[in-house]
Amino acid sequence: RPGMMERVSEIEGRLKRVEHELYPNSGSSLRDAVDQANRRLEQLCGP
């Protein structure tokens, strides 16, 4: 059974992975994919 500090470290690691997906960054996050899809949709739709 891991101790409390090990558990907290694991939770912080998970949180960092989630935050990586929520904000624009290197182009590999979920947010980047959504932004790219929105830009492509805007190009297709225009005004």
All heavy atoms as atom14 arrays in JSON, in Angstrom:
{
  "sequence": "RPGMMERVSEIEGRLKRVEHELYPNSGSSLRDAVDQANRRLEQLCGP",
  "atom14_mask": [
    [1, 1, 1, 1, 1, 1, 1, 1, 1, 1, 1, 0, 0, 0],
    [1, 1, 1, 1, 1, 1, 1, 0, 0, 0, 0, 0, 0, 0],
    [1, 1, 1, 1, 0, 0, 0, 0, 0, 0, 0, 0, 0, 0],
    [1, 1, 1, 1, 1, 1, 1, 1, 0, 0, 0, 0, 0, 0],
    [1, 1, 1, 1, 1, 1, 1, 1, 0, 0, 0, 0, 0, 0],
    [1, 1, 1, 1, 1, 1, 1, 1, 1, 0, 0, 0, 0, 0],
    [1, 1, 1, 1, 1, 1, 1, 1, 1, 1, 1, 0, 0, 0],
    [1, 1, 1, 1, 1, 1, 1, 0, 0, 0, 0, 0, 0, 0],
    [1, 1, 1, 1, 1, 1, 0, 0, 0, 0, 0, 0, 0, 0],
    [1, 1, 1, 1, 1, 1, 1, 1, 1, 0, 0, 0, 0, 0],
    [1, 1, 1, 1, 1, 1, 1, 1, 0, 0, 0, 0, 0, 0],
    [1, 1, 1, 1, 1, 1, 1, 1, 1, 0, 0, 0, 0, 0],
    [1, 1, 1, 1, 0, 0, 0, 0, 0, 0, 0, 0, 0, 0],
    [1, 1, 1, 1, 1, 1, 1, 1, 1, 1, 1, 0, 0, 0],
    [1, 1, 1, 1, 1, 1, 1, 1, 0, 0, 0, 0, 0, 0],
    [1, 1, 1, 1, 1, 1, 1, 1, 1, 0, 0, 0, 0, 0],
    [1, 1, 1, 1, 1, 1, 1, 1, 1, 1, 1, 0, 0, 0],
    [1, 1, 1, 1, 1, 1, 1, 0, 0, 0, 0, 0, 0, 0],
    [1, 1, 1, 1, 1, 1, 1, 1, 1, 0, 0, 0, 0, 0],
    [1, 1, 1, 1, 1, 1, 1, 1, 1, 1, 0, 0, 0, 0],
    [1, 1, 1, 1, 1, 1, 1, 1, 1, 0, 0, 0, 0, 0],
    [1, 1, 1, 1, 1, 1, 1, 1, 0, 0, 0, 0, 0, 0],
    [1, 1, 1, 1, 1, 1, 1, 1, 1, 1, 1, 1, 0, 0],
    [1, 1, 1, 1, 1, 1, 1, 0, 0, 0, 0, 0, 0, 0],
    [1, 1, 1, 1, 1, 1, 1, 1, 0, 0, 0, 0, 0, 0],
    [1, 1, 1, 1, 1, 1, 0, 0, 0, 0, 0, 0, 0, 0],
    [1, 1, 1, 1, 0, 0, 0, 0, 0, 0, 0, 0, 0, 0],
    [1, 1, 1, 1, 1, 1, 0, 0, 0, 0, 0, 0, 0, 0],
    [1, 1, 1, 1, 1, 1, 0, 0, 0, 0, 0, 0, 0, 0],
    [1, 1, 1, 1, 1, 1, 1, 1, 0, 0, 0, 0, 0, 0],
    [1, 1, 1, 1, 1, 1, 1, 1, 1, 1, 1, 0, 0, 0],
    [1, 1, 1, 1, 1, 1, 1, 1, 0, 0, 0, 0, 0, 0],
    [1, 1, 1, 1, 1, 0, 0, 0, 0, 0, 0, 0, 0, 0],
    [1, 1, 1, 1, 1, 1, 1, 0, 0, 0, 0, 0, 0, 0],
    [1, 1, 1, 1, 1, 1, 1, 1, 0, 0, 0, 0, 0, 0],
    [1, 1, 1, 1, 1, 1, 1, 1, 1, 0, 0, 0, 0, 0],
    [1, 1, 1, 1, 1, 0, 0, 0, 0, 0, 0, 0, 0, 0],
    [1, 1, 1, 1, 1, 1, 1, 1, 0, 0, 0, 0, 0, 0],
    [1, 1, 1, 1, 1, 1, 1, 1, 1, 1, 1, 0, 0, 0],
    [1, 1, 1, 1, 1, 1, 1, 1, 1, 1, 1, 0, 0, 0],
    [1, 1, 1, 1, 1, 1, 1, 1, 0, 0, 0, 0, 0, 0],
    [1, 1, 1, 1, 1, 1, 1, 1, 1, 0, 0, 0, 0, 0],
    [1, 1, 1, 1, 1, 1, 1, 1, 1, 0, 0, 0, 0, 0],
    [1, 1, 1, 1, 1, 1, 1, 1, 0, 0, 0, 0, 0, 0],
    [1, 1, 1, 1, 1, 1, 0, 0, 0, 0, 0, 0, 0, 0],
    [1, 1, 1, 1, 0, 0, 0, 0, 0, 0, 0, 0, 0, 0],
    [1, 1, 1, 1, 1, 1, 1, 0, 0, 0, 0, 0, 0, 0]
  ],
  "atom14_positions": [
    [[0.87, -1.18, 0.0], [0.0, 0.0, 0.0], [0.89, 1.22, 0.0], [1.68, 1.41, 0.92], [-0.9, 0.02, 1.23], [-1.95, -1.04, 1.19], [-2.93, -0.97, 2.32], [-2.64, 0.06, 3.3], [-3.2, 0.09, 4.49], [-4.03, -0.81, 4.87], [-2.9, 1.07, 5.33], [0.0, 0.0, 0.0], [0.0, 0.0, 0.0], [0.0, 0.0, 0.0]],
    [[0.77, 2.08, -1.03], [1.62, 3.27, -1.05], [1.21, 4.26, 0.03], [0.06, 4.29, 0.46], [1.39, 3.85, -2.44], [0.07, 3.32, -2.86], [-0.09, 1.99, -2.18], [0.0, 0.0, 0.0], [0.0, 0.0, 0.0], [0.0, 0.0, 0.0], [0.0, 0.0, 0.0], [0.0, 0.0, 0.0], [0.0, 0.0, 0.0], [0.0, 0.0, 0.0]],
    [[2.16, 5.08, 0.43], [1.89, 6.1, 1.45], [1.2, 7.31, 0.84], [0.99, 7.42, -0.37], [0.0, 0.0, 0.0], [0.0, 0.0, 0.0], [0.0, 0.0, 0.0], [0.0, 0.0, 0.0], [0.0, 0.0, 0.0], [0.0, 0.0, 0.0], [0.0, 0.0, 0.0], [0.0, 0.0, 0.0], [0.0, 0.0, 0.0], [0.0, 0.0, 0.0]],
    [[0.85, 8.25, 1.7], [0.09, 9.42, 1.27], [0.87, 10.27, 0.27], [0.31, 10.75, -0.71], [-0.29, 10.26, 2.49], [-1.2, 11.41, 2.17], [-2.75, 10.93, 1.41], [-3.53, 10.04, 2.72], [0.0, 0.0, 0.0], [0.0, 0.0, 0.0], [0.0, 0.0, 0.0], [0.0, 0.0, 0.0], [0.0, 0.0, 0.0], [0.0, 0.0, 0.0]],
    [[2.17, 10.46, 0.48], [2.95, 11.29, -0.44], [3.04, 10.65, -1.83], [2.98, 11.35, -2.84], [4.35, 11.54, 0.12], [4.36, 12.38, 1.38], [3.65, 14.01, 1.07], [2.39, 14.06, 2.31], [0.0, 0.0, 0.0], [0.0, 0.0, 0.0], [0.0, 0.0, 0.0], [0.0, 0.0, 0.0], [0.0, 0.0, 0.0], [0.0, 0.0, 0.0]],
    [[3.15, 9.33, -1.88], [3.17, 8.66, -3.19], [1.82, 8.83, -3.89], [1.77, 9.05, -5.1], [3.47, 7.18, -3.01], [4.87, 6.88, -2.55], [5.07, 5.4, -2.27], [4.94, 4.61, -3.23], [5.32, 5.06, -1.11], [0.0, 0.0, 0.0], [0.0, 0.0, 0.0], [0.0, 0.0, 0.0], [0.0, 0.0, 0.0], [0.0, 0.0, 0.0]],
    [[0.75, 8.72, -3.13], [-0.59, 8.9, -3.71], [-0.77, 10.32, -4.24], [-1.32, 10.52, -5.32], [-1.66, 8.59, -2.68], [-1.7, 7.14, -2.28], [-2.74, 6.93, -1.21], [-2.71, 5.57, -0.72], [-3.44, 5.12, 0.28], [-4.28, 5.95, 0.89], [-3.35, 3.89, 0.68], [0.0, 0.0, 0.0], [0.0, 0.0, 0.0], [0.0, 0.0, 0.0]],
    [[-0.33, 11.31, -3.47], [-0.47, 12.7, -3.89], [0.37, 12.95, -5.15], [-0.07, 13.63, -6.08], [-0.07, 13.66, -2.75], [0.07, 15.08, -3.25], [-1.11, 13.6, -1.64], [0.0, 0.0, 0.0], [0.0, 0.0, 0.0], [0.0, 0.0, 0.0], [0.0, 0.0, 0.0], [0.0, 0.0, 0.0], [0.0, 0.0, 0.0], [0.0, 0.0, 0.0]],
    [[1.57, 12.37, -5.22], [2.41, 12.52, -6.42], [1.71, 11.94, -7.64], [1.75, 12.53, -8.72], [3.75, 11.82, -6.22], [4.46, 12.39, -5.18], [0.0, 0.0, 0.0], [0.0, 0.0, 0.0], [0.0, 0.0, 0.0], [0.0, 0.0, 0.0], [0.0, 0.0, 0.0], [0.0, 0.0, 0.0], [0.0, 0.0, 0.0], [0.0, 0.0, 0.0]],
    [[1.09, 10.79, -7.46], [0.37, 10.17, -8.58], [-0.8, 11.04, -9.03], [-1.03, 11.22, -10.23], [-0.14, 8.79, -8.16], [-0.8, 8.03, -9.27], [-1.26, 6.65, -8.81], [-0.58, 6.03, -7.99], [-2.32, 6.22, -9.29], [0.0, 0.0, 0.0], [0.0, 0.0, 0.0], [0.0, 0.0, 0.0], [0.0, 0.0, 0.0], [0.0, 0.0, 0.0]],
    [[-1.52, 11.61, -8.08], [-2.65, 12.49, -8.42], [-2.15, 13.73, -9.15], [-2.76, 14.18, -10.13], [-3.44, 12.85, -7.16], [-4.17, 11.64, -6.62], [-4.42, 13.98, -7.43], [-4.77, 11.83, -5.25], [0.0, 0.0, 0.0], [0.0, 0.0, 0.0], [0.0, 0.0, 0.0], [0.0, 0.0, 0.0], [0.0, 0.0, 0.0], [0.0, 0.0, 0.0]],
    [[-1.03, 14.3, -8.7], [-0.48, 15.48, -9.38], [-0.05, 15.14, -10.8], [-0.24, 15.94, -11.72], [0.71, 16.02, -8.59], [0.31, 16.74, -7.32], [1.5, 17.18, -6.5], [2.64, 16.71, -6.75], [1.3, 18.01, -5.6], [0.0, 0.0, 0.0], [0.0, 0.0, 0.0], [0.0, 0.0, 0.0], [0.0, 0.0, 0.0], [0.0, 0.0, 0.0]],
    [[0.52, 13.95, -11.01], [0.9, 13.54, -12.36], [-0.31, 13.42, -13.26], [-0.29, 13.86, -14.42], [0.0, 0.0, 0.0], [0.0, 0.0, 0.0], [0.0, 0.0, 0.0], [0.0, 0.0, 0.0], [0.0, 0.0, 0.0], [0.0, 0.0, 0.0], [0.0, 0.0, 0.0], [0.0, 0.0, 0.0], [0.0, 0.0, 0.0], [0.0, 0.0, 0.0]],
    [[-1.38, 12.82, -12.74], [-2.62, 12.72, -13.53], [-3.16, 14.1, -13.86], [-3.61, 14.35, -14.98], [-3.67, 11.94, -12.75], [-3.4, 10.47, -12.64], [-4.51, 9.81, -11.87], [-4.25, 8.39, -11.72], [-5.01, 7.59, -11.0], [-6.08, 8.08, -10.38], [-4.72, 6.32, -10.91], [0.0, 0.0, 0.0], [0.0, 0.0, 0.0], [0.0, 0.0, 0.0]],
    [[-3.13, 15.0, -12.9], [-3.64, 16.35, -13.12], [-2.83, 17.07, -14.18], [-3.39, 17.79, -15.02], [-3.62, 17.14, -11.8], [-4.19, 18.54, -11.85], [-5.65, 18.51, -12.28], [-4.06, 19.2, -10.5], [0.0, 0.0, 0.0], [0.0, 0.0, 0.0], [0.0, 0.0, 0.0], [0.0, 0.0, 0.0], [0.0, 0.0, 0.0], [0.0, 0.0, 0.0]],
    [[-1.51, 16.89, -14.19], [-0.68, 17.52, -15.22], [-1.04, 16.99, -16.6], [-1.08, 17.75, -17.57], [0.8, 17.27, -14.94], [1.33, 18.12, -13.83], [2.81, 17.85, -13.58], [3.29, 18.65, -12.4], [4.69, 18.36, -12.07], [0.0, 0.0, 0.0], [0.0, 0.0, 0.0], [0.0, 0.0, 0.0], [0.0, 0.0, 0.0], [0.0, 0.0, 0.0]],
    [[-1.31, 15.68, -16.7], [-1.7, 15.12, -18.01], [-3.04, 15.69, -18.46], [-3.23, 15.97, -19.66], [-1.74, 13.6, -17.93], [-0.36, 12.98, -17.81], [-0.38, 11.48, -18.02], [-1.24, 10.77, -17.09], [-0.85, 10.23, -15.95], [0.41, 10.35, -15.56], [-1.7, 9.58, -15.17], [0.0, 0.0, 0.0], [0.0, 0.0, 0.0], [0.0, 0.0, 0.0]],
    [[-3.97, 15.88, -17.55], [-5.27, 16.45, -17.9], [-5.1, 17.91, -18.33], [-5.66, 18.35, -19.34], [-6.26, 16.32, -16.73], [-7.51, 17.15, -16.97], [-6.64, 14.87, -16.51], [0.0, 0.0, 0.0], [0.0, 0.0, 0.0], [0.0, 0.0, 0.0], [0.0, 0.0, 0.0], [0.0, 0.0, 0.0], [0.0, 0.0, 0.0], [0.0, 0.0, 0.0]],
    [[-4.32, 18.68, -17.57], [-4.1, 20.08, -17.93], [-3.41, 20.21, -19.28], [-3.68, 21.15, -20.03], [-3.26, 20.77, -16.85], [-4.04, 21.08, -15.6], [-3.18, 21.72, -14.53], [-1.94, 21.67, -14.63], [-3.76, 22.27, -13.59], [0.0, 0.0, 0.0], [0.0, 0.0, 0.0], [0.0, 0.0, 0.0], [0.0, 0.0, 0.0], [0.0, 0.0, 0.0]],
    [[-2.54, 19.28, -19.6], [-1.87, 19.31, -20.9], [-2.89, 19.21, -22.04], [-2.73, 19.83, -23.09], [-0.87, 18.15, -21.01], [-0.23, 18.03, -22.34], [0.8, 18.85, -22.74], [-0.48, 17.21, -23.39], [1.16, 18.53, -23.97], [0.4, 17.53, -24.39], [0.0, 0.0, 0.0], [0.0, 0.0, 0.0], [0.0, 0.0, 0.0], [0.0, 0.0, 0.0]],
    [[-3.96, 18.46, -21.81], [-4.98, 18.3, -22.85], [-5.93, 19.47, -22.93], [-6.6, 19.67, -23.94], [-5.78, 17.01, -22.59], [-4.97, 15.75, -22.71], [-4.39, 15.54, -24.09], [-5.09, 15.86, -25.08], [-3.25, 15.08, -24.2], [0.0, 0.0, 0.0], [0.0, 0.0, 0.0], [0.0, 0.0, 0.0], [0.0, 0.0, 0.0], [0.0, 0.0, 0.0]],
    [[-6.04, 20.28, -21.89], [-7.06, 21.34, -21.85], [-6.6, 22.67, -22.42], [-7.44, 23.53, -22.69], [-7.53, 21.55, -20.42], [-8.31, 20.38, -19.8], [-8.68, 20.71, -18.38], [-9.54, 20.04, -20.62], [0.0, 0.0, 0.0], [0.0, 0.0, 0.0], [0.0, 0.0, 0.0], [0.0, 0.0, 0.0], [0.0, 0.0, 0.0], [0.0, 0.0, 0.0]],
    [[-5.31, 22.9, -22.55], [-4.82, 24.19, -23.0], [-3.97, 24.04, -24.25], [-3.32, 23.01, -24.44], [-4.0, 24.86, -21.89], [-4.82, 25.13, -20.66], [-4.68, 24.35, -19.53], [-5.76, 26.15, -20.66], [-5.46, 24.58, -18.41], [-6.53, 26.4, -19.54], [-6.38, 25.61, -18.43], [-7.16, 25.84, -17.32], [0.0, 0.0, 0.0], [0.0, 0.0, 0.0]],
    [[-3.97, 25.06, -25.1], [-3.13, 24.99, -26.3], [-1.66, 24.9, -25.9], [-1.21, 25.59, -25.0], [-3.4, 26.31, -27.02], [-4.58, 26.92, -26.36], [-4.72, 26.3, -25.01], [0.0, 0.0, 0.0], [0.0, 0.0, 0.0], [0.0, 0.0, 0.0], [0.0, 0.0, 0.0], [0.0, 0.0, 0.0], [0.0, 0.0, 0.0], [0.0, 0.0, 0.0]],
    [[-0.96, 24.0, -26.59], [0.47, 23.86, -26.27], [1.23, 23.4, -27.51], [1.26, 24.11, -28.5], [0.67, 22.92, -25.09], [-0.1, 21.63, -25.23], [-0.27, 21.14, -26.34], [-0.59, 21.11, -24.15], [0.0, 0.0, 0.0], [0.0, 0.0, 0.0], [0.0, 0.0, 0.0], [0.0, 0.0, 0.0], [0.0, 0.0, 0.0], [0.0, 0.0, 0.0]],
    [[1.75, 22.22, -27.53], [2.64, 21.76, -28.58], [1.92, 21.3, -29.85], [2.57, 20.85, -30.78], [3.49, 20.62, -28.05], [2.65, 19.54, -27.66], [0.0, 0.0, 0.0], [0.0, 0.0, 0.0], [0.0, 0.0, 0.0], [0.0, 0.0, 0.0], [0.0, 0.0, 0.0], [0.0, 0.0, 0.0], [0.0, 0.0, 0.0], [0.0, 0.0, 0.0]],
    [[0.62, 21.35, -29.86], [-0.12, 20.88, -31.02], [-0.62, 19.45, -30.86], [-1.3, 18.93, -31.72], [0.0, 0.0, 0.0], [0.0, 0.0, 0.0], [0.0, 0.0, 0.0], [0.0, 0.0, 0.0], [0.0, 0.0, 0.0], [0.0, 0.0, 0.0], [0.0, 0.0, 0.0], [0.0, 0.0, 0.0], [0.0, 0.0, 0.0], [0.0, 0.0, 0.0]],
    [[-0.31, 18.83, -29.74], [-0.73, 17.45, -29.54], [-1.84, 17.3, -28.51], [-2.23, 16.19, -28.19], [0.47, 16.6, -29.09], [0.95, 17.06, -27.84], [0.0, 0.0, 0.0], [0.0, 0.0, 0.0], [0.0, 0.0, 0.0], [0.0, 0.0, 0.0], [0.0, 0.0, 0.0], [0.0, 0.0, 0.0], [0.0, 0.0, 0.0], [0.0, 0.0, 0.0]],
    [[-2.36, 18.41, -27.99], [-3.4, 18.3, -26.97], [-4.78, 18.26, -27.62], [-4.97, 18.58, -28.8], [-3.32, 19.49, -26.02], [-3.71, 20.67, -26.67], [0.0, 0.0, 0.0], [0.0, 0.0, 0.0], [0.0, 0.0, 0.0], [0.0, 0.0, 0.0], [0.0, 0.0, 0.0], [0.0, 0.0, 0.0], [0.0, 0.0, 0.0], [0.0, 0.0, 0.0]],
    [[-5.73, 17.86, -26.83], [-7.12, 17.85, -27.29], [-7.58, 19.26, -27.64], [-8.28, 19.46, -28.64], [-8.0, 17.25, -26.19], [-9.49, 17.16, -26.47], [-9.74, 16.22, -27.65], [-10.23, 16.68, -25.24], [0.0, 0.0, 0.0], [0.0, 0.0, 0.0], [0.0, 0.0, 0.0], [0.0, 0.0, 0.0], [0.0, 0.0, 0.0], [0.0, 0.0, 0.0]],
    [[-7.17, 20.25, -26.86], [-7.54, 21.64, -27.16], [-6.99, 22.07, -28.51], [-7.67, 22.76, -29.28], [-7.02, 22.54, -26.04], [-7.24, 24.03, -26.27], [-8.74, 24.37, -26.31], [-8.96, 25.72, -26.68], [-9.14, 26.71, -25.82], [-9.12, 26.48, -24.53], [-9.34, 27.92, -26.25], [0.0, 0.0, 0.0], [0.0, 0.0, 0.0], [0.0, 0.0, 0.0]],
    [[-5.76, 21.69, -28.83], [-5.18, 22.03, -30.13], [-5.97, 21.38, -31.26], [-6.2, 22.01, -32.3], [-3.72, 21.58, -30.2], [-2.84, 22.42, -29.3], [-3.12, 23.62, -29.13], [-1.86, 21.87, -28.76], [0.0, 0.0, 0.0], [0.0, 0.0, 0.0], [0.0, 0.0, 0.0], [0.0, 0.0, 0.0], [0.0, 0.0, 0.0], [0.0, 0.0, 0.0]],
    [[-6.4, 20.14, -31.06], [-7.18, 19.45, -32.09], [-8.53, 20.13, -32.3], [-8.98, 20.3, -33.44], [-7.38, 17.99, -31.71], [0.0, 0.0, 0.0], [0.0, 0.0, 0.0], [0.0, 0.0, 0.0], [0.0, 0.0, 0.0], [0.0, 0.0, 0.0], [0.0, 0.0, 0.0], [0.0, 0.0, 0.0], [0.0, 0.0, 0.0], [0.0, 0.0, 0.0]],
    [[-9.17, 20.55, -31.22], [-10.45, 21.25, -31.35], [-10.26, 22.59, -32.04], [-11.04, 22.97, -32.93], [-11.11, 21.42, -29.95], [-12.29, 22.37, -30.02], [-11.52, 20.08, -29.39], [0.0, 0.0, 0.0], [0.0, 0.0, 0.0], [0.0, 0.0, 0.0], [0.0, 0.0, 0.0], [0.0, 0.0, 0.0], [0.0, 0.0, 0.0], [0.0, 0.0, 0.0]],
    [[-9.21, 23.33, -31.67], [-8.94, 24.61, -32.32], [-8.67, 24.42, -33.81], [-9.14, 25.21, -34.64], [-7.76, 25.31, -31.65], [-8.11, 25.81, -30.26], [-9.31, 25.93, -29.95], [-7.16, 26.07, -29.49], [0.0, 0.0, 0.0], [0.0, 0.0, 0.0], [0.0, 0.0, 0.0], [0.0, 0.0, 0.0], [0.0, 0.0, 0.0], [0.0, 0.0, 0.0]],
    [[-7.92, 23.39, -34.16], [-7.62, 23.13, -35.57], [-8.91, 22.78, -36.33], [-9.13, 23.26, -37.44], [-6.62, 21.99, -35.69], [-6.25, 21.68, -37.13], [-5.31, 20.49, -37.21], [-5.2, 19.7, -36.29], [-4.64, 20.36, -38.35], [0.0, 0.0, 0.0], [0.0, 0.0, 0.0], [0.0, 0.0, 0.0], [0.0, 0.0, 0.0], [0.0, 0.0, 0.0]],
    [[-9.78, 21.97, -35.71], [-11.05, 21.63, -36.36], [-11.91, 22.88, -36.54], [-12.56, 23.05, -37.59], [-11.79, 20.59, -35.53], [0.0, 0.0, 0.0], [0.0, 0.0, 0.0], [0.0, 0.0, 0.0], [0.0, 0.0, 0.0], [0.0, 0.0, 0.0], [0.0, 0.0, 0.0], [0.0, 0.0, 0.0], [0.0, 0.0, 0.0], [0.0, 0.0, 0.0]],
    [[-11.91, 23.77, -35.54], [-12.68, 25.01, -35.68], [-12.13, 25.9, -36.79], [-12.9, 26.5, -37.56], [-12.68, 25.78, -34.36], [-13.61, 25.17, -33.34], [-14.52, 24.41, -33.68], [-13.36, 25.47, -32.08], [0.0, 0.0, 0.0], [0.0, 0.0, 0.0], [0.0, 0.0, 0.0], [0.0, 0.0, 0.0], [0.0, 0.0, 0.0], [0.0, 0.0, 0.0]],
    [[-10.82, 25.97, -36.92], [-10.24, 26.79, -37.99], [-10.59, 26.2, -39.36], [-10.92, 26.94, -40.3], [-8.72, 26.89, -37.83], [-8.3, 27.84, -36.73], [-6.81, 28.13, -36.76], [-5.98, 26.94, -36.57], [-5.58, 26.47, -35.4], [-5.92, 27.09, -34.3], [-4.82, 25.4, -35.33], [0.0, 0.0, 0.0], [0.0, 0.0, 0.0], [0.0, 0.0, 0.0]],
    [[-10.52, 24.9, -39.48], [-10.86, 24.26, -40.77], [-12.33, 24.46, -41.1], [-12.69, 24.69, -42.25], [-10.5, 22.79, -40.72], [-9.01, 22.55, -40.75], [-8.69, 21.09, -40.71], [-7.24, 20.89, -40.77], [-6.65, 19.73, -40.59], [-7.37, 18.66, -40.35], [-5.34, 19.64, -40.66], [0.0, 0.0, 0.0], [0.0, 0.0, 0.0], [0.0, 0.0, 0.0]],
    [[-13.19, 24.36, -40.08], [-14.62, 24.59, -40.3], [-14.86, 26.03, -40.73], [-15.68, 26.28, -41.63], [-15.41, 24.26, -39.03], [-16.92, 24.44, -39.11], [-17.51, 23.47, -40.14], [-17.53, 24.22, -37.76], [0.0, 0.0, 0.0], [0.0, 0.0, 0.0], [0.0, 0.0, 0.0], [0.0, 0.0, 0.0], [0.0, 0.0, 0.0], [0.0, 0.0, 0.0]],
    [[-14.15, 26.96, -40.13], [-14.29, 28.35, -40.51], [-13.84, 28.57, -41.95], [-14.44, 29.35, -42.7], [-13.48, 29.23, -39.55], [-13.74, 30.71, -39.72], [-13.0, 31.51, -38.67], [-12.98, 31.08, -37.5], [-12.45, 32.56, -39.03], [0.0, 0.0, 0.0], [0.0, 0.0, 0.0], [0.0, 0.0, 0.0], [0.0, 0.0, 0.0], [0.0, 0.0, 0.0]],
    [[-12.79, 27.89, -42.37], [-12.33, 28.0, -43.76], [-13.38, 27.45, -44.71], [-13.62, 28.01, -45.78], [-11.03, 27.23, -43.97], [-9.81, 27.92, -43.44], [-8.57, 27.08, -43.67], [-8.65, 25.89, -43.99], [-7.41, 27.7, -43.5], [0.0, 0.0, 0.0], [0.0, 0.0, 0.0], [0.0, 0.0, 0.0], [0.0, 0.0, 0.0], [0.0, 0.0, 0.0]],
    [[-14.03, 26.37, -44.32], [-15.04, 25.77, -45.19], [-16.3, 26.62, -45.26], [-16.89, 26.79, -46.32], [-15.4, 24.36, -44.7], [-14.33, 23.3, -44.87], [-14.77, 22.01, -44.2], [-14.05, 23.05, -46.35], [0.0, 0.0, 0.0], [0.0, 0.0, 0.0], [0.0, 0.0, 0.0], [0.0, 0.0, 0.0], [0.0, 0.0, 0.0], [0.0, 0.0, 0.0]],
    [[-16.72, 27.15, -44.11], [-17.97, 27.9, -44.06], [-17.8, 29.34, -44.54], [-18.73, 29.89, -45.14], [-18.51, 27.94, -42.64], [-19.08, 26.37, -42.03], [0.0, 0.0, 0.0], [0.0, 0.0, 0.0], [0.0, 0.0, 0.0], [0.0, 0.0, 0.0], [0.0, 0.0, 0.0], [0.0, 0.0, 0.0], [0.0, 0.0, 0.0], [0.0, 0.0, 0.0]],
    [[-16.69, 29.94, -44.22], [-16.49, 31.34, -44.58], [-17.44, 32.22, -43.78], [-17.67, 32.0, -42.6], [0.0, 0.0, 0.0], [0.0, 0.0, 0.0], [0.0, 0.0, 0.0], [0.0, 0.0, 0.0], [0.0, 0.0, 0.0], [0.0, 0.0, 0.0], [0.0, 0.0, 0.0], [0.0, 0.0, 0.0], [0.0, 0.0, 0.0], [0.0, 0.0, 0.0]],
    [[-18.03, 33.24, -44.44], [-18.9, 34.16, -43.71], [-20.22, 33.53, -43.3], [-20.95, 34.09, -42.49], [-19.13, 35.29, -44.72], [-18.89, 34.7, -46.04], [-17.86, 33.62, -45.84], [0.0, 0.0, 0.0], [0.0, 0.0, 0.0], [0.0, 0.0, 0.0], [0.0, 0.0, 0.0], [0.0, 0.0, 0.0], [0.0, 0.0, 0.0], [0.0, 0.0, 0.0]]
  ]
}
